Amino acid sequence: MRDEQDLIQTLRAAADQVRRSDLAEGVARRRRTRRTRQRVQVLLAAVAVVAIAGGVTAVLPGEDRQQPGPAVEVSPSPSVSEALVPATKPVAELWPQAMLKVPLKNPDGWKTYPVTGLSATEVLLVANSRFEKAGRLETYDSASGRSRVLGSIPSPEKKYYPQLFAVGAEYIAWFGETPQDSDDWADFWIMPRQGGAARRVGEVDADVEKIAVTDGFVVWSVRKGGVYRMPLSGGGAAERLPGTDGLHLTAWPWAAGRAGERPDANQNRLVNLETGQSFDVSLPAGVEAMQCNAQWCVGVLEGHVIVQRIDGSERKSLPQGLRPNRMRSLMGDRYAVFKVYDPDRTKTDVPIAVVYDLATGVSAGIGRRSAGVLSGSMTVSTSSSSPSTAVYWDADQESYEECGKTTGCAVKTRGGGKEYTVVNLMAVTR
């Protein structure tokens, strides 16, 4: 395990990455006055297990939604790997078709952020018209090497900020807030997936946390639990879905219950909101931050990341050099992303993170950390509202350590700023 100084340096690197990201910084600051208690709890949880800088998510069309199998009896103790970091090939070598380069700014000079994959070649982008303000949705096509404007994002209220985006079969949806106001309020918007004018669906007096868009409804959950919907036609009242007390959207049609109020509390139940089927998550004693999708779960047990099926089958412990993003490790429907820690500062072939295929156990390395530095920067989209299929980083940016006589040492960055390297998991052949 790392010593205290290594932990401090890694946390400083994460903080530097958050400061460097306009979007992550803006979301955190805009919500601070209303959700101080929740964010303090999340921060304390992040200190317990060093997290990736950034977070994930988007409702993806066309994903296979298999039903979890029946519960089985399994041993609560997973097998333990002795390796510090799993054997990995670079993602460019393992999945070259999933790699693409995206300009960090669009032709108008607006800074862009990948949200999620739309297809094997297209990635959804949000472009900021000014600092912290999402002003437009765009796509970038790796086949043509060009971006395309989908449409503008309206800001109908003073001090109004668009929040998370979700992708459905026909529409892209999002909600907006006026987070500097004390009242809980949000409104919902949709835009045709192929592009066009945005249309306001309606508004609610609620503390919205996640959103999805289905064949006729915008669906959302609130921070205290409960799932609601409103017709896309507009003018309809918000309707609470029956049997959703305490549930939180994950990726449509799935919602999860939590064993506690904290956002990183273990998920203990999954419910299919289309069929009404409910499945208890098999939680080994002592597990923390268990999060699940329709088939797989990721958590932390005795200092190791563990992965398992919902019913507890196929449970295994991963090498201790892998560190989870406590709330946002899952990607798509069968992948997870983990930060890599190796205490040997002389190594230059250590990836910043790995994308782990939960079904096959294959790991793909993302980026390379700089010599003499124990950490690096990469991001899973903070712009979307369920597990994203896109992870990105600035491959031209270098991390370095700067030490002062009285201030100690801090990890900083230099260079880069021109383009993102993006892994689009929708391009990975299964």
Foldseek 3Di string as FASTA:
>chain_A
DDDPVQLVQLVLQLVQQCVVDLQSVLVCVLQCVAPVPLVVVLVVVCSVFPAANAFADAFAEPDDQDAEDDFDDDDLDFDADPDQADDAAACCVVPVLQKAKFWQADPVRWGKDWHFARFSFKTKIFTAPDRNAGFFIWIAGRVVRDIGTQETDDAPDPCKHWAAWYDYPFWIKTKMDNSVDNWAKIWMWIATPNHDYIDTAGMDRAQWDFWYDYDFWIKTFGLQWWIWIGGSVHPGDIGTQPPTGQWHDAHPPKTFHFPDSRLQGATFKIARSVPRDIDGADDRPQWTSWDDDSFKIWTAHPQFIWIAGRSRPPIHTRNNQWTYNSNHQDADHFKGKTAGFDPPLQDFAAARIWIAGNVPRHIHGHATAARRRGHDHKYHHSRHGHHHQKIKDFNQKHWDWDQDPPPGIHIHIDDGNTIIIMRHNSSGDD
